[in-house]
């Protein structure tokens, strides 16, 4: 599907372009902390849901456990996250923000809020929650398709 200007009007193209742009501006905004949006997301989730296991955190951040292992190791090295025995599992470790992690998260949030403001500025009042809900429904639909395709390929 091409428009007269030669640009594709596929939704996947627009979503990919936005994802790359957000990743780039996120890297720029979080550069003073040498942090990525994935690391920021992990901190933000641990702020709201302390004591998650590594596996739980990786699922909530939509990354593979190996990727989350690297992210958490770096957050630990910086003193922003600490591990302790998980209350529900003898094998898993529980992750929680440290006071230094909470301080850094608060500082970074101001920069990430600028990204949200830029995105929100492109929408009419009231469209922001509707767009977020629609994008989440789209993500769930694609994730369901992935699970179904994997299940069929195993059979």
N, C-alpha and C. Protein backbone atom coordinates (compact mmCIF):
# COMPACT_ATOMS: atom_id res chain seq x y z
N UNK A 1 0.85 -1.18 0.00
CA UNK A 1 0.00 0.00 0.00
C UNK A 1 0.89 1.24 0.00
N UNK A 2 0.99 1.90 -1.10
CA UNK A 2 1.80 3.11 -1.19
C UNK A 2 0.93 4.31 -1.46
N UNK A 3 1.31 5.42 -0.85
CA UNK A 3 0.61 6.67 -1.08
C UNK A 3 1.25 7.38 -2.26
N UNK A 4 0.65 8.46 -2.69
CA UNK A 4 1.19 9.24 -3.82
C UNK A 4 2.60 9.75 -3.51
N UNK A 5 2.90 10.02 -2.26
CA UNK A 5 4.21 10.55 -1.89
C UNK A 5 5.27 9.44 -1.83
N UNK A 6 4.87 8.21 -2.10
CA UNK A 6 5.82 7.13 -2.11
C UNK A 6 6.07 6.51 -0.74
N UNK A 7 5.35 6.96 0.25
CA UNK A 7 5.52 6.39 1.59
C UNK A 7 4.46 5.32 1.80
N UNK A 8 4.87 4.27 2.43
CA UNK A 8 3.95 3.19 2.73
C UNK A 8 2.95 3.63 3.78
N UNK A 9 1.72 3.17 3.65
CA UNK A 9 0.74 3.49 4.68
C UNK A 9 0.30 2.23 5.44
N UNK A 10 1.23 1.27 5.53
CA UNK A 10 0.99 0.10 6.36
C UNK A 10 1.15 0.49 7.83
N UNK A 11 0.28 -0.03 8.66
CA UNK A 11 0.35 0.23 10.10
C UNK A 11 1.68 -0.29 10.66
N UNK A 12 2.13 -1.44 10.19
CA UNK A 12 3.39 -1.99 10.70
C UNK A 12 4.57 -1.04 10.44
N UNK A 13 4.55 -0.37 9.30
CA UNK A 13 5.62 0.59 9.01
C UNK A 13 5.59 1.75 9.99
N UNK A 14 4.40 2.27 10.25
CA UNK A 14 4.27 3.40 11.17
C UNK A 14 4.67 3.00 12.59
N UNK A 15 4.26 1.81 13.02
CA UNK A 15 4.59 1.34 14.37
C UNK A 15 6.10 1.12 14.50
N UNK A 16 6.71 0.53 13.47
CA UNK A 16 8.16 0.31 13.49
C UNK A 16 8.91 1.63 13.55
N UNK A 17 8.48 2.58 12.75
CA UNK A 17 9.14 3.90 12.75
C UNK A 17 9.01 4.57 14.12
N UNK A 18 7.81 4.50 14.70
CA UNK A 18 7.60 5.11 16.02
C UNK A 18 8.45 4.40 17.08
N UNK A 19 8.50 3.07 17.03
CA UNK A 19 9.28 2.32 18.02
C UNK A 19 10.75 2.72 17.95
N UNK A 20 11.27 2.84 16.75
CA UNK A 20 12.67 3.25 16.60
C UNK A 20 12.91 4.68 17.07
N UNK A 21 11.98 5.55 16.74
CA UNK A 21 12.12 6.95 17.17
C UNK A 21 12.07 7.06 18.69
N UNK A 22 11.15 6.33 19.31
CA UNK A 22 11.04 6.36 20.78
C UNK A 22 12.29 5.76 21.42
N UNK A 23 12.81 4.67 20.86
CA UNK A 23 14.05 4.08 21.39
C UNK A 23 15.20 5.08 21.29
N UNK A 24 15.29 5.78 20.17
CA UNK A 24 16.37 6.76 19.98
C UNK A 24 16.24 7.94 20.93
N UNK A 25 15.06 8.51 21.05
CA UNK A 25 14.89 9.66 21.96
C UNK A 25 15.04 9.19 23.41
N UNK A 26 14.61 7.96 23.70
CA UNK A 26 14.80 7.42 25.04
C UNK A 26 16.27 7.31 25.39
N UNK A 27 17.06 6.82 24.43
CA UNK A 27 18.52 6.71 24.65
C UNK A 27 19.13 8.09 24.87
N UNK A 28 18.66 9.06 24.12
CA UNK A 28 19.18 10.42 24.28
C UNK A 28 18.79 11.00 25.64
N UNK A 29 17.52 10.85 26.00
CA UNK A 29 17.04 11.42 27.26
C UNK A 29 17.67 10.74 28.48
N UNK A 30 17.96 9.45 28.36
CA UNK A 30 18.49 8.70 29.50
C UNK A 30 20.02 8.57 29.48
N UNK A 31 20.65 9.22 28.52
CA UNK A 31 22.10 9.14 28.38
C UNK A 31 22.86 9.55 29.65
N UNK A 32 22.43 10.59 30.37
CA UNK A 32 23.17 10.96 31.59
C UNK A 32 23.27 9.82 32.61
N UNK A 33 22.33 8.88 32.56
CA UNK A 33 22.34 7.74 33.48
C UNK A 33 22.88 6.48 32.80
N UNK A 34 23.28 6.60 31.51
CA UNK A 34 23.71 5.44 30.74
C UNK A 34 22.67 4.32 30.83
N UNK A 35 21.42 4.70 30.57
CA UNK A 35 20.29 3.79 30.75
C UNK A 35 19.49 3.70 29.45
N UNK A 36 18.88 2.55 29.22
CA UNK A 36 17.96 2.37 28.09
C UNK A 36 16.53 2.41 28.60
N UNK A 37 15.59 2.51 27.67
CA UNK A 37 14.19 2.47 28.08
C UNK A 37 13.84 1.11 28.69
N UNK A 38 14.50 0.04 28.26
CA UNK A 38 14.25 -1.28 28.86
C UNK A 38 14.68 -1.32 30.32
N UNK A 39 15.84 -0.75 30.62
CA UNK A 39 16.29 -0.67 32.00
C UNK A 39 15.39 0.22 32.83
N UNK A 40 14.99 1.34 32.25
CA UNK A 40 14.06 2.25 32.93
C UNK A 40 12.74 1.53 33.22
N UNK A 41 12.24 0.79 32.23
CA UNK A 41 10.98 0.06 32.42
C UNK A 41 11.09 -0.94 33.55
N UNK A 42 12.24 -1.63 33.64
CA UNK A 42 12.44 -2.60 34.72
C UNK A 42 12.39 -1.90 36.08
N UNK A 43 13.05 -0.76 36.19
CA UNK A 43 13.01 -0.01 37.45
C UNK A 43 11.59 0.44 37.77
N UNK A 44 10.89 0.93 36.77
CA UNK A 44 9.52 1.44 36.97
C UNK A 44 8.59 0.32 37.43
N UNK A 45 8.75 -0.85 36.83
CA UNK A 45 7.92 -1.99 37.23
C UNK A 45 8.24 -2.42 38.65
N UNK A 46 9.53 -2.45 39.00
CA UNK A 46 9.90 -2.83 40.37
C UNK A 46 9.45 -1.80 41.40
N UNK A 47 9.31 -0.56 40.96
CA UNK A 47 8.77 0.46 41.87
C UNK A 47 7.32 0.13 42.22
N UNK A 48 6.56 -0.28 41.20
CA UNK A 48 5.13 -0.57 41.40
C UNK A 48 4.89 -1.96 41.96
N UNK A 49 5.79 -2.91 41.61
CA UNK A 49 5.61 -4.30 42.01
C UNK A 49 6.92 -4.86 42.56
N UNK A 50 7.26 -4.50 43.79
CA UNK A 50 8.52 -5.02 44.35
C UNK A 50 8.46 -6.53 44.56
N UNK A 51 9.62 -7.10 44.66
CA UNK A 51 9.79 -8.52 44.98
C UNK A 51 9.38 -9.46 43.85
N UNK A 52 9.52 -9.01 42.61
CA UNK A 52 9.30 -9.90 41.48
C UNK A 52 10.53 -10.76 41.28
N UNK A 53 10.32 -11.93 40.70
CA UNK A 53 11.46 -12.76 40.30
C UNK A 53 11.97 -12.24 38.96
N UNK A 54 13.14 -12.70 38.57
CA UNK A 54 13.71 -12.31 37.29
C UNK A 54 12.77 -12.72 36.14
N UNK A 55 12.22 -13.92 36.22
CA UNK A 55 11.30 -14.39 35.17
C UNK A 55 10.05 -13.52 35.09
N UNK A 56 9.49 -13.17 36.24
CA UNK A 56 8.32 -12.30 36.26
C UNK A 56 8.63 -10.93 35.67
N UNK A 57 9.78 -10.38 36.02
CA UNK A 57 10.17 -9.07 35.52
C UNK A 57 10.39 -9.12 34.02
N UNK A 58 11.03 -10.16 33.52
CA UNK A 58 11.27 -10.26 32.08
C UNK A 58 9.95 -10.33 31.31
N UNK A 59 8.97 -11.05 31.84
CA UNK A 59 7.66 -11.12 31.17
C UNK A 59 6.98 -9.75 31.16
N UNK A 60 7.06 -9.03 32.27
CA UNK A 60 6.42 -7.71 32.34
C UNK A 60 7.11 -6.67 31.46
N UNK A 61 8.40 -6.88 31.20
CA UNK A 61 9.16 -5.96 30.33
C UNK A 61 9.17 -6.43 28.88
N UNK A 62 8.56 -7.59 28.60
CA UNK A 62 8.49 -8.12 27.24
C UNK A 62 9.87 -8.38 26.64
N UNK A 63 10.78 -8.90 27.46
CA UNK A 63 12.12 -9.27 26.99
C UNK A 63 12.40 -10.71 27.42
N UNK A 64 13.37 -11.31 26.76
CA UNK A 64 13.77 -12.68 27.10
C UNK A 64 14.48 -12.67 28.45
N UNK A 65 14.38 -13.79 29.19
CA UNK A 65 15.05 -13.86 30.49
C UNK A 65 16.55 -13.56 30.42
N UNK A 66 17.21 -13.98 29.33
CA UNK A 66 18.65 -13.71 29.19
C UNK A 66 18.90 -12.20 29.11
N UNK A 67 18.03 -11.49 28.40
CA UNK A 67 18.16 -10.04 28.29
C UNK A 67 17.95 -9.39 29.65
N UNK A 68 16.93 -9.87 30.38
CA UNK A 68 16.66 -9.30 31.70
C UNK A 68 17.79 -9.61 32.66
N UNK A 69 18.42 -10.76 32.52
CA UNK A 69 19.57 -11.09 33.37
C UNK A 69 20.66 -10.04 33.22
N UNK A 70 20.94 -9.64 31.96
CA UNK A 70 21.96 -8.60 31.71
C UNK A 70 21.52 -7.25 32.28
N UNK A 71 20.25 -6.91 32.08
CA UNK A 71 19.74 -5.62 32.58
C UNK A 71 19.85 -5.57 34.10
N UNK A 72 19.38 -6.62 34.76
CA UNK A 72 19.39 -6.65 36.23
C UNK A 72 20.82 -6.66 36.76
N UNK A 73 21.73 -7.36 36.10
CA UNK A 73 23.13 -7.36 36.54
C UNK A 73 23.69 -5.94 36.53
N UNK A 74 23.37 -5.18 35.49
CA UNK A 74 23.84 -3.80 35.41
C UNK A 74 23.16 -2.93 36.48
N UNK A 75 21.88 -3.11 36.70
CA UNK A 75 21.17 -2.34 37.73
C UNK A 75 21.71 -2.67 39.12
N UNK A 76 22.05 -3.93 39.32
CA UNK A 76 22.66 -4.35 40.59
C UNK A 76 24.05 -3.73 40.76
N UNK A 77 24.84 -3.75 39.69
CA UNK A 77 26.19 -3.18 39.74
C UNK A 77 26.14 -1.71 40.14
N UNK A 78 25.12 -1.02 39.70
CA UNK A 78 24.97 0.40 40.01
C UNK A 78 24.38 0.63 41.40
N UNK A 79 23.93 -0.43 42.04
CA UNK A 79 23.33 -0.30 43.36
C UNK A 79 21.88 0.16 43.33
N UNK A 80 21.23 -0.04 42.20
CA UNK A 80 19.84 0.41 42.05
C UNK A 80 18.82 -0.70 42.33
N UNK A 81 19.28 -1.95 42.28
CA UNK A 81 18.42 -3.11 42.51
C UNK A 81 19.17 -4.07 43.41
N UNK A 82 18.43 -4.74 44.27
CA UNK A 82 19.04 -5.77 45.12
C UNK A 82 18.21 -7.04 45.06
N UNK A 83 18.89 -8.14 45.29
CA UNK A 83 18.24 -9.46 45.30
C UNK A 83 18.13 -9.95 46.73
N UNK A 84 17.07 -10.71 46.96
CA UNK A 84 16.88 -11.39 48.25
C UNK A 84 16.09 -12.67 47.98
N UNK A 85 16.03 -13.57 48.94
CA UNK A 85 15.25 -14.80 48.72
C UNK A 85 13.79 -14.46 48.39
N UNK A 86 13.24 -15.14 47.39
CA UNK A 86 11.86 -14.90 46.98
C UNK A 86 10.92 -15.55 47.98
N UNK A 87 9.88 -14.83 48.41
CA UNK A 87 8.98 -15.38 49.44
C UNK A 87 8.16 -16.58 48.98
N UNK A 88 8.00 -16.76 47.66
CA UNK A 88 7.15 -17.85 47.17
C UNK A 88 7.92 -18.99 46.51
N UNK A 89 9.25 -18.88 46.43
CA UNK A 89 10.01 -19.91 45.75
C UNK A 89 11.38 -20.07 46.39
N UNK A 90 11.78 -21.30 46.60
CA UNK A 90 13.10 -21.55 47.18
C UNK A 90 14.21 -21.30 46.16
N UNK A 91 13.90 -21.46 44.87
CA UNK A 91 14.92 -21.32 43.83
C UNK A 91 15.05 -19.90 43.30
N UNK A 92 13.97 -19.15 43.28
CA UNK A 92 13.99 -17.81 42.67
C UNK A 92 14.48 -16.76 43.66
N UNK A 93 15.01 -15.70 43.08
CA UNK A 93 15.42 -14.55 43.88
C UNK A 93 14.40 -13.43 43.64
N UNK A 94 14.19 -12.64 44.66
CA UNK A 94 13.27 -11.52 44.60
C UNK A 94 14.06 -10.25 44.30
N UNK A 95 13.54 -9.41 43.42
CA UNK A 95 14.20 -8.17 43.04
C UNK A 95 13.46 -6.98 43.62
N UNK A 96 14.21 -6.00 44.10
CA UNK A 96 13.58 -4.79 44.65
C UNK A 96 14.50 -3.60 44.39
N UNK A 97 13.88 -2.44 44.28
CA UNK A 97 14.64 -1.19 44.14
C UNK A 97 15.34 -0.87 45.45
N UNK A 98 16.50 -0.29 45.33
CA UNK A 98 17.19 0.27 46.51
C UNK A 98 16.81 1.74 46.60
N UNK A 99 17.10 2.40 47.71
CA UNK A 99 16.85 3.84 47.78
C UNK A 99 17.57 4.61 46.67
N UNK A 100 18.79 4.19 46.32
CA UNK A 100 19.52 4.85 45.23
C UNK A 100 18.81 4.62 43.90
N UNK A 101 18.24 3.44 43.72
CA UNK A 101 17.49 3.14 42.50
C UNK A 101 16.25 3.99 42.40
N UNK A 102 15.57 4.18 43.51
CA UNK A 102 14.36 5.02 43.51
C UNK A 102 14.72 6.47 43.20
N UNK A 103 15.82 6.95 43.75
CA UNK A 103 16.26 8.33 43.46
C UNK A 103 16.57 8.50 41.98
N UNK A 104 17.32 7.56 41.41
CA UNK A 104 17.65 7.63 39.98
C UNK A 104 16.40 7.51 39.12
N UNK A 105 15.50 6.63 39.50
CA UNK A 105 14.25 6.47 38.76
C UNK A 105 13.46 7.77 38.74
N UNK A 106 13.38 8.44 39.86
CA UNK A 106 12.66 9.71 39.95
C UNK A 106 13.29 10.75 39.03
N UNK A 107 14.61 10.80 38.99
CA UNK A 107 15.30 11.74 38.10
C UNK A 107 15.02 11.40 36.64
N UNK A 108 15.11 10.12 36.29
CA UNK A 108 14.89 9.69 34.91
C UNK A 108 13.44 9.91 34.47
N UNK A 109 12.51 9.78 35.40
CA UNK A 109 11.09 9.91 35.06
C UNK A 109 10.78 11.27 34.45
N UNK A 110 11.45 12.31 34.91
CA UNK A 110 11.23 13.64 34.35
C UNK A 110 11.60 13.67 32.87
N UNK A 111 12.64 12.95 32.49
CA UNK A 111 13.05 12.90 31.09
C UNK A 111 12.10 12.03 30.25
N UNK A 112 11.68 10.91 30.81
CA UNK A 112 10.74 10.05 30.09
C UNK A 112 9.39 10.75 29.94
N UNK A 113 9.00 11.54 30.92
CA UNK A 113 7.74 12.30 30.83
C UNK A 113 7.78 13.27 29.64
N UNK A 114 8.95 13.76 29.28
CA UNK A 114 9.06 14.64 28.11
C UNK A 114 8.71 13.89 26.84
N UNK A 115 9.09 12.62 26.77
CA UNK A 115 8.73 11.80 25.62
C UNK A 115 7.22 11.63 25.56
N UNK A 116 6.62 11.33 26.71
CA UNK A 116 5.17 11.18 26.79
C UNK A 116 4.47 12.46 26.36
N UNK A 117 5.01 13.59 26.77
CA UNK A 117 4.42 14.88 26.40
C UNK A 117 4.49 15.12 24.90
N UNK A 118 5.61 14.76 24.29
CA UNK A 118 5.75 14.90 22.85
C UNK A 118 4.70 14.06 22.13
N UNK A 119 4.57 12.81 22.56
CA UNK A 119 3.58 11.93 21.94
C UNK A 119 2.16 12.42 22.18
N UNK A 120 1.89 12.79 23.42
CA UNK A 120 0.55 13.28 23.77
C UNK A 120 0.19 14.57 23.05
N UNK A 121 1.20 15.37 22.73
CA UNK A 121 0.96 16.63 22.02
C UNK A 121 0.46 16.44 20.61
N UNK A 122 0.60 15.23 20.07
CA UNK A 122 0.12 14.94 18.73
C UNK A 122 -1.35 14.52 18.71
N UNK A 123 -1.95 14.43 19.90
CA UNK A 123 -3.32 13.92 20.02
C UNK A 123 -4.26 14.99 20.54
N UNK A 124 -5.51 14.81 20.21
CA UNK A 124 -6.55 15.68 20.76
C UNK A 124 -6.83 15.25 22.20
N UNK A 125 -7.34 16.17 23.01
CA UNK A 125 -7.67 15.79 24.39
C UNK A 125 -8.60 14.55 24.40
N UNK A 126 -8.28 13.63 25.26
CA UNK A 126 -9.08 12.40 25.37
C UNK A 126 -8.63 11.28 24.45
N UNK A 127 -7.83 11.58 23.43
CA UNK A 127 -7.38 10.53 22.51
C UNK A 127 -6.26 9.67 23.09
N UNK A 128 -5.48 10.23 24.00
CA UNK A 128 -4.32 9.52 24.55
C UNK A 128 -4.72 8.19 25.18
N UNK A 129 -5.69 8.18 26.13
CA UNK A 129 -6.05 6.88 26.72
C UNK A 129 -6.64 5.92 25.69
N UNK A 130 -7.37 6.45 24.73
CA UNK A 130 -7.96 5.61 23.69
C UNK A 130 -6.86 4.98 22.82
N UNK A 131 -5.86 5.77 22.46
CA UNK A 131 -4.76 5.26 21.65
C UNK A 131 -3.97 4.20 22.42
N UNK A 132 -3.67 4.46 23.68
CA UNK A 132 -2.94 3.49 24.50
C UNK A 132 -3.72 2.18 24.57
N UNK A 133 -5.01 2.26 24.81
CA UNK A 133 -5.84 1.05 24.89
C UNK A 133 -5.86 0.31 23.56
N UNK A 134 -5.96 1.02 22.47
CA UNK A 134 -5.98 0.40 21.14
C UNK A 134 -4.64 -0.29 20.86
N UNK A 135 -3.54 0.39 21.15
CA UNK A 135 -2.22 -0.22 20.93
C UNK A 135 -2.02 -1.46 21.78
N UNK A 136 -2.52 -1.43 23.00
CA UNK A 136 -2.40 -2.61 23.87
C UNK A 136 -3.23 -3.77 23.32
N UNK A 137 -4.43 -3.47 22.81
CA UNK A 137 -5.25 -4.53 22.21
C UNK A 137 -4.54 -5.10 20.98
N UNK A 138 -3.94 -4.25 20.18
CA UNK A 138 -3.19 -4.71 19.00
C UNK A 138 -2.03 -5.61 19.43
N UNK A 139 -1.32 -5.23 20.47
CA UNK A 139 -0.20 -6.04 20.97
C UNK A 139 -0.68 -7.41 21.41
N UNK A 140 -1.78 -7.44 22.15
CA UNK A 140 -2.33 -8.72 22.61
C UNK A 140 -2.74 -9.59 21.42
N UNK A 141 -3.34 -8.98 20.40
CA UNK A 141 -3.76 -9.75 19.22
C UNK A 141 -2.55 -10.37 18.52
N UNK A 142 -1.47 -9.60 18.36
CA UNK A 142 -0.28 -10.12 17.70
C UNK A 142 0.39 -11.17 18.57
N UNK A 143 0.46 -10.93 19.88
CA UNK A 143 1.05 -11.92 20.79
C UNK A 143 0.27 -13.24 20.76
N UNK A 144 -1.05 -13.15 20.66
CA UNK A 144 -1.89 -14.34 20.57
C UNK A 144 -1.60 -15.08 19.27
N UNK A 145 -1.44 -14.34 18.18
CA UNK A 145 -1.11 -14.96 16.90
C UNK A 145 0.24 -15.68 16.98
N UNK A 146 1.20 -15.08 17.65
CA UNK A 146 2.51 -15.70 17.82
C UNK A 146 2.38 -17.01 18.60
N UNK A 147 1.65 -16.98 19.71
CA UNK A 147 1.46 -18.20 20.52
C UNK A 147 0.78 -19.29 19.70
N UNK A 148 -0.25 -18.91 18.94
CA UNK A 148 -0.96 -19.89 18.11
C UNK A 148 -0.05 -20.48 17.06
N UNK A 149 0.77 -19.66 16.41
CA UNK A 149 1.67 -20.14 15.37
C UNK A 149 2.72 -21.08 15.97
N UNK A 150 3.22 -20.75 17.15
CA UNK A 150 4.19 -21.64 17.81
C UNK A 150 3.56 -22.97 18.18
N UNK A 151 2.32 -22.92 18.64
CA UNK A 151 1.63 -24.15 19.03
C UNK A 151 1.42 -25.04 17.80
N UNK A 152 1.04 -24.44 16.68
CA UNK A 152 0.83 -25.20 15.45
C UNK A 152 2.14 -25.80 14.95
N UNK A 153 3.24 -25.03 15.05
CA UNK A 153 4.53 -25.53 14.56
C UNK A 153 5.07 -26.69 15.41
N UNK A 154 4.66 -26.75 16.67
CA UNK A 154 5.09 -27.86 17.54
C UNK A 154 4.29 -29.12 17.29
N UNK A 155 3.07 -28.97 16.81
CA UNK A 155 2.19 -30.13 16.60
C UNK A 155 2.54 -30.93 15.39
